[in-house]
Amino acid sequence: MLEWILILLIVAAVAALLGLHGLAGVAMTGAKILIGIVLILFLLAVLGIFTLA
């Protein structure tokens, strides 16, 4: 999942540099959603509520 976050952030950066603000916004929104999911799973794993193994 972290790979997808990095890919979306790179796509957003390149799209913003090329002036494709719509695509940059969509890619950044996708990255934000995935970051939120990763943070929630991490907190659940730290608290022992959810195990990743």
Protein backbone atom coordinates (compact mmCIF):
# COMPACT_ATOMS: atom_id res chain seq x y z
CA MET A 1 0.00 0.00 0.00
CA LEU A 2 2.92 2.32 0.66
CA GLU A 3 4.05 1.78 -2.92
CA TRP A 4 0.71 3.06 -4.19
CA ILE A 5 0.99 6.13 -1.99
CA LEU A 6 4.41 6.94 -3.42
CA ILE A 7 3.20 6.36 -6.98
CA LEU A 8 0.21 8.65 -6.48
CA LEU A 9 2.38 11.36 -4.92
CA ILE A 10 4.80 11.21 -7.86
CA VAL A 11 1.92 11.34 -10.35
CA ALA A 12 0.47 14.34 -8.51
CA ALA A 13 3.82 16.17 -8.51
CA VAL A 14 4.46 15.55 -12.21
CA ALA A 15 0.89 16.48 -13.15
CA ALA A 16 1.13 19.71 -11.15
CA LEU A 17 4.42 20.61 -12.86
CA LEU A 18 2.82 20.00 -16.26
CA GLY A 19 -0.22 22.10 -15.39
CA LEU A 20 -2.70 19.24 -15.15
CA HIS A 21 -4.29 20.44 -11.93
CA GLY A 22 -7.33 18.18 -12.17
CA LEU A 23 -5.21 15.05 -12.41
CA ALA A 24 -2.91 16.33 -9.66
CA GLY A 25 -5.88 16.86 -7.38
CA VAL A 26 -7.28 13.40 -8.01
CA ALA A 27 -3.91 11.75 -7.41
CA MET A 28 -3.35 13.75 -4.23
CA THR A 29 -6.82 12.87 -2.94
CA GLY A 30 -6.14 9.18 -3.56
CA ALA A 31 -2.83 9.43 -1.73
CA LYS A 32 -4.49 11.18 1.23
CA ILE A 33 -7.14 8.46 1.49
CA LEU A 34 -4.51 5.71 1.42
CA ILE A 35 -2.40 7.54 4.01
CA GLY A 36 -5.45 7.73 6.26
CA ILE A 37 -6.10 4.00 5.89
CA VAL A 38 -2.47 3.17 6.66
CA LEU A 39 -2.49 5.39 9.76
CA ILE A 40 -5.70 3.82 11.07
CA LEU A 41 -4.32 0.30 10.55
CA PHE A 42 -1.07 1.30 12.24
CA LEU A 43 -2.87 2.72 15.27
CA LEU A 44 -5.05 -0.38 15.56
CA ALA A 45 -1.95 -2.57 15.37
CA VAL A 46 -0.15 -0.52 18.03
CA LEU A 47 -3.15 -0.71 20.36
CA GLY A 48 -3.39 -4.46 19.84
CA ILE A 49 -6.92 -4.33 18.45
CA PHE A 50 -5.91 -5.49 14.99
CA THR A 51 -2.99 -7.71 14.06
CA LEU A 52 -1.29 -7.42 10.69
CA ALA A 53 0.20 -10.94 10.80
